Amino acid sequence: MYNRFGTTAEMVIQTVEENGKEYVLAIDSQGLYMTTPNYVGNPSADRNRFSQTRAATNERLQALGLDPVALWNDNQHRIQVASVETKKINPLKASKRGARG
């Protein structure tokens, strides 16, 4: 299910341990980010997804021995896209509606 502000399980790449704390590495259309496990699957907004610490994610991953570019390229299929459903219009009925005037 698409979640515009939260982190879903489909977005999770892997868990990462940094300074004795467990984080979850996730991906969205803006790139990679690290969040805490309690935000995954939670319907509320994930503050780590939209915080200023996101800019330092690549440096944090490199310090842990991970390649952010390779992770981004290998996990782009996890990026969720919102689809807009449109109602299909029957052209015959539409033309009759327009003819009524």
Protein backbone atom coordinates (compact mmCIF):
# COMPACT_ATOMS: atom_id res chain seq x y z
CA MET A 1 0.00 0.00 0.00
CA TYR A 2 1.28 3.46 -0.89
CA ASN A 3 2.03 5.72 2.06
CA ARG A 4 2.97 9.27 1.16
CA PHE A 5 4.59 10.24 4.47
CA GLY A 6 5.34 7.04 6.36
CA THR A 7 7.71 4.12 5.86
CA THR A 8 6.25 0.80 4.73
CA ALA A 9 7.86 -2.65 4.82
CA GLU A 10 8.19 -2.59 1.01
CA MET A 11 10.54 0.41 1.27
CA VAL A 12 12.96 -1.33 3.67
CA ILE A 13 16.28 -2.49 2.24
CA GLN A 14 18.02 -3.86 5.33
CA THR A 15 18.70 -3.26 9.01
CA VAL A 16 21.89 -1.49 10.01
CA GLU A 17 23.59 -1.22 13.38
CA GLU A 18 25.31 2.07 14.14
CA ASN A 19 26.85 2.97 17.52
CA GLY A 20 24.98 0.13 19.21
CA LYS A 21 21.58 1.24 17.90
CA GLU A 22 19.52 -0.56 15.28
CA TYR A 23 18.33 1.43 12.27
CA VAL A 24 16.40 0.51 9.16
CA LEU A 25 17.73 1.54 5.76
CA ALA A 26 14.88 2.49 3.43
CA ILE A 27 14.41 4.08 0.03
CA ASP A 28 11.94 6.49 -1.54
CA SER A 29 11.89 8.72 -4.61
CA GLN A 30 14.24 11.22 -2.93
CA GLY A 31 16.91 8.64 -2.13
CA LEU A 32 18.12 6.51 0.76
CA TYR A 33 17.39 7.30 4.40
CA MET A 34 17.82 5.68 7.81
CA THR A 35 14.97 5.45 10.29
CA THR A 36 14.13 3.57 13.46
CA PRO A 37 12.22 0.26 13.35
CA ASN A 38 9.20 1.69 15.22
CA TYR A 39 8.29 3.85 12.18
CA VAL A 40 8.08 0.92 9.75
CA GLY A 41 4.44 0.04 9.09
CA ASN A 42 3.24 2.88 11.29
CA PRO A 43 0.57 4.97 9.51
CA SER A 44 1.90 8.23 10.98
CA ALA A 45 4.51 10.37 9.25
CA ASP A 46 8.13 9.26 9.60
CA ARG A 47 10.13 12.25 10.87
CA ASN A 48 13.40 10.62 9.78
CA ARG A 49 12.17 10.49 6.18
CA PHE A 50 11.82 14.27 6.01
CA SER A 51 14.50 15.48 8.44
CA GLN A 52 17.75 17.33 7.82
CA THR A 53 19.78 14.28 8.93
CA ARG A 54 18.82 12.64 5.67
CA ALA A 55 21.49 14.67 3.88
CA ALA A 56 24.19 12.80 5.82
CA THR A 57 22.87 9.33 4.99
CA ASN A 58 25.46 8.63 2.28
CA GLU A 59 28.32 9.53 4.63
CA ARG A 60 26.85 7.37 7.39
CA LEU A 61 26.53 4.41 5.01
CA GLN A 62 30.11 4.81 3.76
CA ALA A 63 31.35 4.89 7.37
CA LEU A 64 29.55 1.56 7.92
CA GLY A 65 31.27 0.07 4.86
CA LEU A 66 28.23 0.15 2.56
CA ASP A 67 28.09 1.58 -0.96
CA PRO A 68 25.18 4.05 -1.22
CA VAL A 69 25.32 4.23 -5.03
CA ALA A 70 25.11 0.44 -5.39
CA LEU A 71 22.29 0.27 -2.81
CA TRP A 72 20.37 2.96 -4.72
CA ASN A 73 20.83 1.22 -8.07
CA ASP A 74 19.95 -2.25 -6.74
CA ASN A 75 16.81 -1.16 -4.86
CA GLN A 76 15.03 1.32 -7.13
CA HIS A 77 12.27 -1.25 -7.66
CA ARG A 78 11.20 -0.62 -4.04
CA ILE A 79 10.26 3.01 -4.71
CA GLN A 80 6.53 3.43 -4.35
CA VAL A 81 4.65 5.42 -6.94
CA ALA A 82 1.21 6.87 -6.37
CA SER A 83 -1.17 5.98 -9.13
CA VAL A 84 -4.21 8.06 -9.89
CA GLU A 85 -7.25 6.11 -10.91
CA THR A 86 -9.40 7.78 -13.50
CA LYS A 87 -12.90 6.82 -14.36
CA LYS A 88 -13.21 5.32 -17.82
CA ILE A 89 -15.53 7.24 -20.09
CA ASN A 90 -17.67 5.55 -22.68
CA PRO A 91 -17.27 7.69 -25.82
CA LEU A 92 -20.77 6.83 -27.06
CA LYS A 93 -22.43 8.07 -23.90
CA ALA A 94 -20.20 11.12 -23.82
CA SER A 95 -21.19 12.09 -27.35
CA LYS A 96 -24.89 11.74 -26.46
CA ARG A 97 -24.44 13.96 -23.40
CA GLY A 98 -22.78 16.61 -25.54
CA ALA A 99 -25.57 16.45 -28.14
CA ARG A 100 -28.26 17.30 -25.54
CA GLY A 101 -26.99 20.85 -25.46
